Protein backbone atom coordinates (compact mmCIF):
# COMPACT_ATOMS: atom_id res chain seq x y z
CA UNK A 1 -132.45 174.53 -139.53
CA UNK A 2 -131.17 178.12 -139.99
CA UNK A 3 -129.85 176.83 -143.30
CA UNK A 4 -132.67 178.60 -145.23
CA UNK A 5 -133.12 181.53 -143.33
CA UNK A 6 -129.19 182.24 -143.37
CA UNK A 7 -129.67 182.14 -147.31
CA UNK A 8 -132.45 184.59 -147.57
CA UNK A 9 -131.63 186.91 -144.42
CA UNK A 10 -128.11 186.26 -143.66
CA UNK A 11 -126.32 185.28 -140.47
CA UNK A 12 -127.89 188.35 -138.48
CA UNK A 13 -130.08 190.36 -139.80
CA UNK A 14 -132.97 191.25 -136.96
CA UNK A 15 -136.33 192.85 -138.20
CA UNK A 16 -136.18 196.51 -138.21
CA UNK A 17 -138.83 198.06 -135.88
CA UNK A 18 -139.09 200.92 -133.53
CA UNK A 19 -138.85 198.67 -130.62
CA UNK A 20 -135.16 197.60 -131.85
CA UNK A 21 -132.89 200.23 -132.80
CA UNK A 22 -129.80 197.86 -133.00
CA UNK A 23 -131.42 196.61 -136.22
CA UNK A 24 -130.93 199.75 -137.81
CA UNK A 25 -127.26 200.80 -136.67
CA UNK A 26 -125.85 199.37 -139.43
CA UNK A 27 -127.71 201.35 -141.65
CA UNK A 28 -126.26 204.56 -140.10
CA UNK A 29 -122.58 203.89 -141.05
CA UNK A 30 -122.01 204.68 -144.66
CA UNK A 31 -121.07 202.16 -147.04
CA UNK A 32 -117.67 202.67 -148.52
CA UNK A 33 -117.53 202.33 -152.77
CA UNK A 34 -115.31 199.07 -152.21
CA UNK A 35 -118.49 197.41 -150.44
CA UNK A 36 -121.13 198.76 -152.73
CA UNK A 37 -118.86 197.35 -155.94
CA UNK A 38 -118.73 194.22 -154.44
CA UNK A 39 -121.93 193.93 -153.40
CA UNK A 40 -123.26 195.10 -156.76
CA UNK A 41 -120.86 192.58 -158.86
CA UNK A 42 -122.15 189.69 -156.54
CA UNK A 43 -125.74 190.34 -157.47
CA UNK A 44 -124.65 190.52 -161.13
CA UNK A 45 -122.92 187.06 -160.54
CA UNK A 46 -125.75 185.66 -158.49
CA UNK A 47 -128.27 186.67 -161.20
CA UNK A 48 -126.35 185.36 -164.44
CA UNK A 49 -125.96 182.00 -162.44
CA UNK A 50 -129.79 181.92 -161.81
CA UNK A 51 -130.49 182.35 -165.20
CA UNK A 52 -128.03 179.95 -166.54
CA UNK A 53 -129.49 177.28 -164.10
CA UNK A 54 -132.84 178.57 -165.06
CA UNK A 55 -132.20 177.58 -168.46
CA UNK A 56 -130.50 174.20 -167.60
CA UNK A 57 -133.15 173.31 -165.38
CA UNK A 58 -135.85 173.86 -168.09
CA UNK A 59 -133.76 171.98 -170.80
CA UNK A 60 -132.61 168.99 -168.83
CA UNK A 61 -136.13 168.45 -167.51
CA UNK A 62 -137.01 167.59 -171.04
CA UNK A 63 -134.06 165.59 -171.57
CA UNK A 64 -134.84 163.51 -168.21
CA UNK A 65 -138.13 162.77 -169.75
CA UNK A 66 -136.76 161.63 -173.03
CA UNK A 67 -134.29 159.74 -171.56
CA UNK A 68 -136.42 157.68 -169.83
CA UNK A 69 -139.94 157.92 -171.29
CA UNK A 70 -141.57 154.74 -170.06
CA UNK A 71 -140.48 155.34 -166.36
CA UNK A 72 -142.46 158.94 -165.93
CA UNK A 73 -144.03 158.01 -162.68
CA UNK A 74 -140.85 156.99 -161.04
CA UNK A 75 -139.12 160.17 -162.28
CA UNK A 76 -141.91 162.14 -160.52
CA UNK A 77 -141.12 160.12 -157.12
CA UNK A 78 -137.71 160.36 -157.38
CA UNK A 79 -137.52 164.19 -158.28
CA UNK A 80 -139.59 164.42 -154.95
CA UNK A 81 -138.32 162.19 -152.73
CA UNK A 82 -134.87 163.47 -152.54
CA UNK A 83 -136.23 166.58 -150.80
CA UNK A 84 -137.79 164.82 -148.00
CA UNK A 85 -134.66 163.77 -145.95
CA UNK A 86 -133.09 167.24 -147.15
CA UNK A 87 -135.94 169.15 -145.46
CA UNK A 88 -136.24 166.93 -142.35
CA UNK A 89 -132.72 167.59 -141.53
CA UNK A 90 -133.25 171.07 -141.85
CA UNK A 91 -136.33 170.99 -139.72
CA UNK A 92 -135.28 168.93 -137.08
CA UNK A 93 -137.58 168.39 -133.89
CA UNK A 94 -139.98 171.10 -135.29
CA UNK A 95 -141.50 168.61 -137.96
CA UNK A 96 -143.31 166.97 -134.96
CA UNK A 97 -144.05 170.22 -132.89
CA UNK A 98 -145.85 171.22 -135.69
CA UNK A 99 -147.62 168.01 -136.57
CA UNK A 100 -151.24 169.26 -135.66
CA UNK A 101 -154.64 169.08 -137.29
CA UNK A 102 -155.24 172.31 -138.58
CA UNK A 103 -151.48 172.52 -139.98
CA UNK A 104 -151.46 169.16 -141.49
CA UNK A 105 -154.68 169.62 -143.26
CA UNK A 106 -152.99 172.72 -144.61
CA UNK A 107 -150.00 171.16 -145.78
CA UNK A 108 -151.86 168.22 -147.54
CA UNK A 109 -153.53 170.55 -149.27
CA UNK A 110 -150.51 172.21 -150.66
CA UNK A 111 -148.76 168.80 -151.25
CA UNK A 112 -151.62 167.38 -153.19
CA UNK A 113 -152.11 170.09 -155.41
CA UNK A 114 -148.13 169.98 -155.92
CA UNK A 115 -148.23 166.24 -156.56
CA UNK A 116 -151.06 166.42 -159.07
CA UNK A 117 -149.11 169.34 -161.01
CA UNK A 118 -145.96 167.25 -160.94
CA UNK A 119 -147.78 164.32 -162.03
CA UNK A 120 -149.31 165.61 -165.04
CA UNK A 121 -146.10 167.89 -165.80
CA UNK A 122 -143.75 164.67 -166.33
CA UNK A 123 -146.37 162.54 -167.97
CA UNK A 124 -147.00 165.53 -170.29
CA UNK A 125 -143.47 166.59 -171.03
CA UNK A 126 -142.71 163.02 -172.55
CA UNK A 127 -144.34 164.01 -175.75
CA UNK A 128 -144.12 167.79 -175.39
CA UNK A 129 -141.27 169.48 -177.01
CA UNK A 130 -139.18 171.37 -174.98
CA UNK A 131 -140.29 174.85 -177.01
CA UNK A 132 -143.47 173.96 -176.51
CA UNK A 133 -143.02 173.09 -172.80
CA UNK A 134 -141.56 176.73 -172.42
CA UNK A 135 -144.72 178.18 -173.97
CA UNK A 136 -147.22 176.30 -172.26
CA UNK A 137 -146.06 176.89 -169.03
CA UNK A 138 -146.53 180.45 -168.95
CA UNK A 139 -150.31 179.56 -168.45
CA UNK A 140 -149.76 179.68 -164.85
CA UNK A 141 -149.77 183.56 -164.78
CA UNK A 142 -153.11 183.91 -166.60
CA UNK A 143 -155.04 180.99 -164.58
CA UNK A 144 -153.07 182.56 -161.21
CA UNK A 145 -154.83 185.70 -161.90
CA UNK A 146 -158.14 184.27 -162.73
CA UNK A 147 -158.29 182.12 -159.68
CA UNK A 148 -156.91 185.29 -157.69
CA UNK A 149 -159.67 187.55 -158.47
CA UNK A 150 -162.49 184.45 -158.02
CA UNK A 151 -161.09 183.05 -154.71
CA UNK A 152 -159.24 186.16 -153.13
CA UNK A 153 -161.18 189.14 -154.71
CA UNK A 154 -157.78 190.54 -155.75
CA UNK A 155 -157.47 193.70 -158.01
CA UNK A 156 -155.05 194.03 -160.84
CA UNK A 157 -153.62 196.56 -162.79
CA UNK A 158 -155.63 196.80 -166.17
CA UNK A 159 -151.78 196.06 -167.73
CA UNK A 160 -151.71 193.03 -165.91
CA UNK A 161 -154.85 191.84 -167.43
CA UNK A 162 -153.57 192.96 -170.76
CA UNK A 163 -150.48 190.86 -170.39
CA UNK A 164 -152.17 187.85 -169.24
CA UNK A 165 -154.50 188.16 -172.39
CA UNK A 166 -151.40 188.56 -174.60
CA UNK A 167 -149.93 185.23 -172.95
CA UNK A 168 -153.11 183.53 -173.77
CA UNK A 169 -153.17 184.49 -177.22
CA UNK A 170 -149.45 183.42 -177.76
CA UNK A 171 -150.53 180.11 -176.53
CA UNK A 172 -153.22 179.62 -178.59
CA UNK A 173 -151.32 181.04 -181.45
CA UNK A 174 -148.57 178.01 -180.87
CA UNK A 175 -150.91 175.43 -180.83
CA UNK A 176 -153.61 176.42 -183.84
CA UNK A 177 -150.89 177.53 -185.88
CA UNK A 178 -147.98 174.83 -185.57
CA UNK A 179 -147.83 172.16 -188.23
CA UNK A 180 -148.11 168.65 -187.07
CA UNK A 181 -144.83 166.99 -186.66
CA UNK A 182 -143.87 163.82 -188.96
CA UNK A 183 -142.65 162.00 -185.44
CA UNK A 184 -145.54 162.06 -183.05
CA UNK A 185 -143.38 161.45 -180.14
CA UNK A 186 -141.68 164.81 -180.10
CA UNK A 187 -145.05 166.66 -180.06
CA UNK A 188 -148.27 165.13 -179.58
CA UNK A 189 -151.62 167.36 -179.03
CA UNK A 190 -152.88 164.69 -176.51
CA UNK A 191 -149.55 165.12 -174.39
CA UNK A 192 -149.88 168.91 -174.95
CA UNK A 193 -152.90 169.21 -173.05
CA UNK A 194 -151.98 166.93 -170.35
CA UNK A 195 -149.02 169.12 -169.71
CA UNK A 196 -151.31 172.22 -169.92
CA UNK A 197 -153.56 170.46 -167.08
CA UNK A 198 -150.78 170.59 -164.91
CA UNK A 199 -150.41 174.25 -164.78
CA UNK A 200 -154.17 174.19 -162.95
CA UNK A 201 -153.34 172.74 -159.69
CA UNK A 202 -149.87 174.34 -159.98
CA UNK A 203 -151.96 177.98 -159.98
CA UNK A 204 -154.10 176.63 -157.27
CA UNK A 205 -151.15 176.20 -154.98
CA UNK A 206 -149.80 179.34 -155.72
CA UNK A 207 -153.30 181.26 -154.54
CA UNK A 208 -153.67 178.75 -151.67
CA UNK A 209 -150.06 179.37 -150.28
CA UNK A 210 -150.62 183.32 -149.90
CA UNK A 211 -153.35 182.96 -147.58
CA UNK A 212 -153.09 179.64 -145.99
CA UNK A 213 -151.33 180.98 -142.58
CA UNK A 214 -152.81 184.12 -142.33
CA UNK A 215 -154.90 183.32 -139.46
CA UNK A 216 -152.22 180.96 -137.66
CA UNK A 217 -150.93 182.12 -134.43
CA UNK A 218 -147.73 180.14 -133.65
CA UNK A 219 -144.20 180.65 -135.33
CA UNK A 220 -144.02 178.21 -138.30
CA UNK A 221 -140.40 177.32 -139.73
CA UNK A 222 -140.65 177.23 -143.50
CA UNK A 223 -138.40 174.12 -143.76
CA UNK A 224 -141.08 172.45 -141.67
CA UNK A 225 -143.52 173.60 -144.03
CA UNK A 226 -141.60 172.42 -147.07
CA UNK A 227 -141.03 169.05 -145.27
CA UNK A 228 -144.64 168.36 -144.93
CA UNK A 229 -145.46 169.81 -148.47
CA UNK A 230 -143.06 167.29 -149.74
CA UNK A 231 -144.10 164.56 -148.23
CA UNK A 232 -147.68 164.66 -149.19
CA UNK A 233 -146.59 165.24 -152.62
CA UNK A 234 -145.05 161.88 -152.61
CA UNK A 235 -147.81 160.35 -151.05
CA UNK A 236 -150.08 162.17 -153.89
CA UNK A 237 -147.76 160.41 -156.47
CA UNK A 238 -148.86 157.25 -155.23
CA UNK A 239 -152.70 157.86 -155.17
CA UNK A 240 -152.13 159.26 -158.59
CA UNK A 241 -150.95 155.80 -160.44
CA UNK A 242 -154.31 155.40 -161.76
CA UNK A 243 -153.46 158.23 -164.30
CA UNK A 244 -150.85 156.47 -165.76
CA UNK A 245 -153.73 153.42 -166.56
CA UNK A 246 -156.03 155.57 -168.56
CA UNK A 247 -156.28 153.57 -172.20
CA UNK A 248 -156.30 157.32 -173.63
CA UNK A 249 -152.62 157.35 -173.48
CA UNK A 250 -151.85 154.69 -175.73
CA UNK A 251 -148.63 153.03 -176.08
CA UNK A 252 -147.67 155.18 -172.63
CA UNK A 253 -150.19 153.54 -170.87
CA UNK A 254 -149.17 151.47 -167.46
CA UNK A 255 -151.59 148.97 -165.93
CA UNK A 256 -152.02 148.82 -162.50
CA UNK A 257 -151.09 145.55 -162.15
CA UNK A 258 -147.71 146.55 -163.71
CA UNK A 259 -146.84 149.66 -161.57
CA UNK A 260 -144.97 147.67 -158.96
CA UNK A 261 -142.68 146.58 -161.80
CA UNK A 262 -142.01 150.13 -163.26
CA UNK A 263 -140.43 150.69 -159.86
CA UNK A 264 -138.34 147.78 -160.13
CA UNK A 265 -137.39 148.52 -163.96
CA UNK A 266 -136.79 152.25 -163.31
CA UNK A 267 -134.50 151.39 -160.69
CA UNK A 268 -132.52 148.84 -162.69
CA UNK A 269 -132.62 151.38 -165.99
CA UNK A 270 -131.35 154.37 -163.73
CA UNK A 271 -128.55 152.73 -161.61
CA UNK A 272 -127.66 149.80 -163.21
CA UNK A 273 -127.96 150.62 -166.77
CA UNK A 274 -130.27 147.66 -167.67
CA UNK A 275 -132.57 148.12 -170.57
CA UNK A 276 -135.95 146.72 -169.54
CA UNK A 277 -138.11 147.26 -172.66
CA UNK A 278 -136.46 145.92 -175.71
CA UNK A 279 -139.19 143.83 -177.73
CA UNK A 280 -142.19 145.50 -179.21
CA UNK A 281 -141.17 148.85 -179.22
CA UNK A 282 -139.86 151.73 -181.41
CA UNK A 283 -142.47 151.53 -183.90
CA UNK A 284 -145.57 154.47 -184.09
CA UNK A 285 -147.98 152.81 -182.28
CA UNK A 286 -145.70 151.11 -179.72
CA UNK A 287 -143.57 152.00 -176.50
CA UNK A 288 -140.15 153.57 -176.89
CA UNK A 289 -137.26 151.19 -176.84
CA UNK A 290 -135.01 151.90 -173.59
CA UNK A 291 -131.57 153.52 -173.95
CA UNK A 292 -130.46 152.90 -170.07
CA UNK A 293 -126.66 152.94 -170.80
CA UNK A 294 -126.98 157.06 -171.09
CA UNK A 295 -130.10 157.81 -168.92
CA UNK A 296 -128.31 158.49 -165.87
CA UNK A 297 -126.28 161.54 -166.84
CA UNK A 298 -129.68 163.44 -168.04
CA UNK A 299 -131.48 162.60 -164.74
CA UNK A 300 -128.47 163.50 -162.33
CA UNK A 301 -127.49 166.65 -164.32
CA UNK A 302 -131.33 167.90 -163.87
CA UNK A 303 -131.45 167.11 -160.60
CA UNK A 304 -128.27 169.08 -160.16
CA UNK A 305 -129.55 172.10 -161.89
CA UNK A 306 -132.66 171.83 -159.77
CA UNK A 307 -130.70 172.22 -156.77
CA UNK A 308 -128.65 175.22 -157.92
CA UNK A 309 -131.82 176.83 -159.40
CA UNK A 310 -133.40 176.80 -156.14
CA UNK A 311 -130.18 178.11 -154.26
CA UNK A 312 -129.58 180.92 -156.63
CA UNK A 313 -133.26 182.07 -156.34
CA UNK A 314 -132.58 182.50 -152.71
CA UNK A 315 -129.36 184.60 -152.94
CA UNK A 316 -131.01 186.64 -155.82
CA UNK A 317 -133.67 187.45 -153.33
CA UNK A 318 -131.63 188.13 -150.75
CA UNK A 319 -128.81 190.26 -152.26
CA UNK A 320 -131.45 191.95 -154.74
CA UNK A 321 -135.21 191.50 -154.89
CA UNK A 322 -137.93 189.21 -156.00
CA UNK A 323 -138.70 191.55 -158.90
CA UNK A 324 -135.29 190.38 -159.78
CA UNK A 325 -136.13 186.70 -160.21
CA UNK A 326 -139.26 187.39 -161.90
CA UNK A 327 -136.81 189.30 -164.56
CA UNK A 328 -134.59 186.15 -165.14
CA UNK A 329 -138.13 183.88 -165.22
CA UNK A 330 -138.97 186.17 -168.45
CA UNK A 331 -135.23 186.25 -170.06
CA UNK A 332 -135.44 182.37 -169.40
CA UNK A 333 -138.05 182.39 -172.17
CA UNK A 334 -135.73 182.59 -175.08
CA UNK A 335 -132.71 181.22 -174.13
CA UNK A 336 -134.61 177.93 -173.39
CA UNK A 337 -136.14 178.41 -176.57
CA UNK A 338 -132.63 178.57 -178.38
CA UNK A 339 -131.12 175.87 -176.27
CA UNK A 340 -134.18 173.33 -177.53
CA UNK A 341 -133.26 174.31 -181.11
CA UNK A 342 -129.66 173.58 -180.82
CA UNK A 343 -128.50 169.95 -181.78
CA UNK A 344 -125.39 170.44 -179.77
CA UNK A 345 -127.55 170.48 -176.62
CA UNK A 346 -130.66 168.36 -177.42
CA UNK A 347 -129.05 165.77 -179.87
CA UNK A 348 -131.89 164.36 -181.91
CA UNK A 349 -134.64 165.84 -179.59
CA UNK A 350 -133.76 169.10 -181.21
CA UNK A 351 -136.77 170.81 -182.54
CA UNK A 352 -136.24 173.82 -185.04
CA UNK A 353 -139.01 176.57 -184.20
CA UNK A 354 -141.43 177.21 -186.98
CA UNK A 355 -142.77 180.92 -187.77
CA UNK A 356 -145.51 179.96 -185.58
CA UNK A 357 -143.32 179.39 -182.50
CA UNK A 358 -141.45 182.60 -183.09
CA UNK A 359 -144.56 184.71 -183.56
CA UNK A 360 -145.85 182.83 -180.14
CA UNK A 361 -142.98 183.47 -178.45
CA UNK A 362 -142.57 187.29 -179.34
CA UNK A 363 -146.23 187.64 -178.31
CA UNK A 364 -145.41 185.86 -174.90
CA UNK A 365 -142.72 187.94 -174.03
CA UNK A 366 -144.22 191.13 -174.76
CA UNK A 367 -147.36 189.91 -172.61
CA UNK A 368 -144.90 188.93 -169.83
CA UNK A 369 -142.85 192.39 -169.96
CA UNK A 370 -146.50 194.08 -169.93
CA UNK A 371 -147.58 191.82 -167.14
CA UNK A 372 -144.39 192.76 -165.05
CA UNK A 373 -144.83 196.40 -165.60
CA UNK A 374 -148.31 196.26 -164.49
CA UNK A 375 -147.05 194.40 -161.38
CA UNK A 376 -144.89 197.67 -160.54
CA UNK A 377 -147.28 200.15 -161.45
CA UNK A 378 -149.64 198.03 -159.05
CA UNK A 379 -147.37 198.24 -156.22
CA UNK A 380 -146.95 201.84 -156.17
CA UNK A 381 -150.64 202.24 -155.89
CA UNK A 382 -150.60 199.59 -153.07
CA UNK A 383 -147.93 201.64 -151.18
CA UNK A 384 -150.10 204.71 -151.52
CA UNK A 385 -153.10 203.28 -150.25
CA UNK A 386 -151.26 200.37 -147.80
CA UNK A 387 -153.46 199.51 -144.73
CA UNK A 388 -150.41 197.74 -143.01
CA UNK A 389 -151.12 194.19 -144.39
CA UNK A 390 -148.55 192.62 -146.48
CA UNK A 391 -149.29 191.70 -150.19
CA UNK A 392 -148.24 189.51 -152.69
CA UNK A 393 -147.49 191.95 -155.66
CA UNK A 394 -147.91 189.09 -159.13
CA UNK A 395 -144.87 190.10 -161.10
CA UNK A 396 -142.96 191.99 -158.72
CA UNK A 397 -141.30 191.75 -155.11
CA UNK A 398 -143.87 191.32 -152.32
CA UNK A 399 -145.26 194.77 -150.51
CA UNK A 400 -144.07 194.28 -146.69
CA UNK A 401 -145.41 196.38 -144.09
CA UNK A 402 -143.03 197.00 -141.12
CA UNK A 403 -145.66 196.62 -138.84
CA UNK A 404 -147.18 193.73 -140.39
CA UNK A 405 -150.91 192.57 -140.57
CA UNK A 406 -153.29 195.22 -138.58
CA UNK A 407 -153.55 194.24 -134.44
CA UNK A 408 -156.71 193.05 -133.31
CA UNK A 409 -158.36 195.83 -131.29
CA UNK A 410 -157.96 195.74 -127.86
CA UNK A 411 -160.37 197.35 -125.42
CA UNK A 412 -159.80 200.56 -124.25
CA UNK A 413 -158.55 201.16 -120.55
CA UNK A 414 -161.22 202.10 -118.16
CA UNK A 415 -159.47 203.70 -115.17
CA UNK A 416 -157.97 206.95 -115.32
CA UNK A 417 -154.61 206.08 -115.18
CA UNK A 418 -155.18 203.92 -118.45
CA UNK A 419 -156.55 206.63 -120.13
CA UNK A 420 -153.58 208.65 -119.53
CA UNK A 421 -151.04 206.45 -120.40
CA UNK A 422 -152.53 205.12 -123.33
CA UNK A 423 -150.82 207.10 -125.92
CA UNK A 424 -147.51 206.08 -124.69
CA UNK A 425 -148.11 202.64 -125.49
CA UNK A 426 -146.47 200.91 -128.44
CA UNK A 427 -149.10 199.15 -130.52
CA UNK A 428 -147.93 195.40 -130.74
CA UNK A 429 -148.28 193.86 -134.16
CA UNK A 430 -147.33 190.60 -135.55
CA UNK A 431 -144.38 190.78 -137.84
CA UNK A 432 -144.86 188.54 -141.29
CA UNK A 433 -142.79 188.05 -144.29
CA UNK A 434 -143.03 186.28 -147.48
CA UNK A 435 -140.70 183.12 -147.71
CA UNK A 436 -139.50 182.05 -151.14
CA UNK A 437 -140.37 178.22 -151.39
CA UNK A 438 -138.09 175.57 -152.88
CA UNK A 439 -139.15 173.91 -155.87
CA UNK A 440 -139.30 170.10 -155.16
CA UNK A 441 -138.35 168.35 -158.39
CA UNK A 442 -140.09 170.49 -160.95
CA UNK A 443 -139.36 173.58 -163.15
CA UNK A 444 -141.42 176.31 -162.51
CA UNK A 445 -142.21 179.36 -164.42
CA UNK A 446 -141.90 181.63 -161.64
CA UNK A 447 -140.50 181.92 -157.84
CA UNK A 448 -143.45 180.90 -155.37
CA UNK A 449 -144.21 182.45 -152.34
CA UNK A 450 -145.94 181.65 -148.59
CA UNK A 451 -146.90 184.23 -146.14
CA UNK A 452 -145.55 183.57 -142.53
CA UNK A 453 -144.76 184.92 -139.46
CA UNK A 454 -141.27 186.17 -139.22
CA UNK A 455 -138.74 184.20 -137.02
CA UNK A 456 -137.57 187.27 -136.03
CA UNK A 457 -139.68 189.34 -133.30
CA UNK A 458 -138.87 192.74 -132.20
CA UNK A 459 -136.67 193.11 -129.07
CA UNK A 460 -136.61 195.85 -126.43
CA UNK A 461 -133.64 198.18 -126.19
CA UNK A 462 -130.84 197.15 -124.00
CA UNK A 463 -129.54 199.52 -121.03
CA UNK A 464 -126.67 200.54 -123.10
CA UNK A 465 -128.66 201.66 -126.16
CA UNK A 466 -131.13 203.60 -123.88
CA UNK A 467 -128.46 205.15 -122.33
CA UNK A 468 -126.83 206.08 -126.01
CA UNK A 469 -130.15 207.30 -127.21
CA UNK A 470 -130.78 209.61 -124.28
CA UNK A 471 -127.28 211.19 -124.66
CA UNK A 472 -127.97 211.47 -128.69
CA UNK A 473 -131.34 213.24 -128.06
CA UNK A 474 -129.83 215.82 -125.24
CA UNK A 475 -126.93 216.65 -127.84
CA UNK A 476 -124.41 215.67 -125.46
CA UNK A 477 -121.73 212.86 -125.11
CA UNK A 478 -121.20 210.37 -122.18
CA UNK A 479 -118.90 212.00 -119.58
CA UNK A 480 -116.43 208.70 -119.99
CA UNK A 481 -116.03 209.98 -123.92
CA UNK A 482 -113.91 212.78 -122.70
CA UNK A 483 -110.38 213.06 -122.98
CA UNK A 484 -109.53 212.75 -119.67
CA UNK A 485 -111.60 210.32 -118.70
CA UNK A 486 -111.66 207.91 -121.73
CA UNK A 487 -109.32 205.73 -120.49
CA UNK A 488 -111.39 204.69 -117.65
CA UNK A 489 -114.11 203.65 -119.96
CA UNK A 490 -114.90 199.78 -119.27
CA UNK A 491 -114.24 197.33 -121.90
CA UNK A 492 -117.49 195.68 -123.55
CA UNK A 493 -118.61 192.79 -121.02
CA UNK A 494 -119.93 189.04 -121.66
CA UNK A 495 -120.84 187.42 -119.11
CA UNK A 496 -122.18 183.77 -120.04
CA UNK A 497 -124.50 184.10 -117.26
CA UNK A 498 -126.24 186.95 -118.36
CA UNK A 499 -124.85 189.16 -115.34
CA UNK A 500 -124.72 192.86 -115.46
CA UNK A 501 -121.18 194.29 -114.79
CA UNK A 502 -120.60 196.56 -111.63
CA UNK A 503 -118.43 199.19 -111.70
CA UNK A 504 -116.50 200.96 -108.83
CA UNK A 505 -116.19 205.07 -109.30
CA UNK A 506 -114.71 205.76 -105.90
CA UNK A 507 -111.44 206.79 -107.42
CA UNK A 508 -112.54 209.02 -109.74
CA UNK A 509 -111.95 212.99 -108.68
CA UNK A 510 -115.06 214.81 -107.11
CA UNK A 511 -115.61 216.67 -110.13
CA UNK A 512 -116.19 213.67 -112.17
CA UNK A 513 -118.60 212.00 -110.22
């Protein structure tokens, strides 16, 4: 269950705090230039791989929905279900330890929002071109800002509002100035609107994850969180089946009586390569015909890119910062647009961008750059006026506080001894961290985080560390470090039962005792 923690924090990374000086011991050792160079190139490699995986994740999401256009609901369930056993193994017995009413309700809220977003995204993506998907997915940024202002009463930098406005302007230009396509199966206004609506629950889910566990007193493993969210997302996809039965979908409509057959048909198409839709298909007002002989490749490649995207996102955040992952999300836009226009990558699904697409792309990229820069300025302002509470800075790395949220005020001591010793007490506070979440089967425009208690709490100093710090403050060294007595220094002791070693010093000269 430590896999996600090791990806983020490494095998041994205690939380730095004044009560745990051992955590900062490595920081006192100067880093060699070979180590700095190796660390730099490793981060560059992870960043490039994240960018490639991010573009591949976006491109093959479109290719997957185009390869199996009649099985959108089946693809939604498949891309979600594969993560349920994965998180169950990582979470272990913690899955049932946190199955409490209040927590289950929070997990369900997140799963419902993510499930609705996934259903609408896959359904709308069938007849939304890849370039339009890239542009519309950026709507999650202004929507998140609006919901954060209304729900959380958060304040943003004026440059962030300007960048969000530019993103909205670019999306409007893409829809209003684009020429209608001769083939409505490539780009339909109705399905564009459905894809855009998927950003609404995605934005609300992002806002809710920031505040859902602020009042939770216990420790919560992020793997437990993601298991329950993925499970509820899977259940929500079942409850969303009536969405596919709406008459407004036209040929894409699937009556409720045929939903069970859709599961069998999708399985036979994907795993047995058997075409299910052969008759009355292919014409403008009919369903698309199945091409199941080659459908498995885009689905498998997309799922692979989705896993790689999550892994490299964790590695970039661990070795770099969340701001770097947001930068990669910005660079993904033009590269994905070029990929969608390439016939060698998209085949007959390639759409050459028009003048309106290029103008919209430039406007949205400028809006994203302005938004990210505004997030950096906002972070500097928040650092100056920090109150000790961690905050998620939109477009930049989360602003963490070494003491976490302000502790609840404790009653002042009434005894004379208590008042005298009160200045000597350390204020107790809870350690918090923003944990990045894995994208369960859907291409996300930017990483999402959830505020959780840190799994590593401050530890008291060992007796050896206390002795070392005392010698250091006195400006002296241990007597056993002298040349005459250095050979008498005891070796490191590690007893499996935790017993302290006993040293006999009767053999030392009287001057050394």
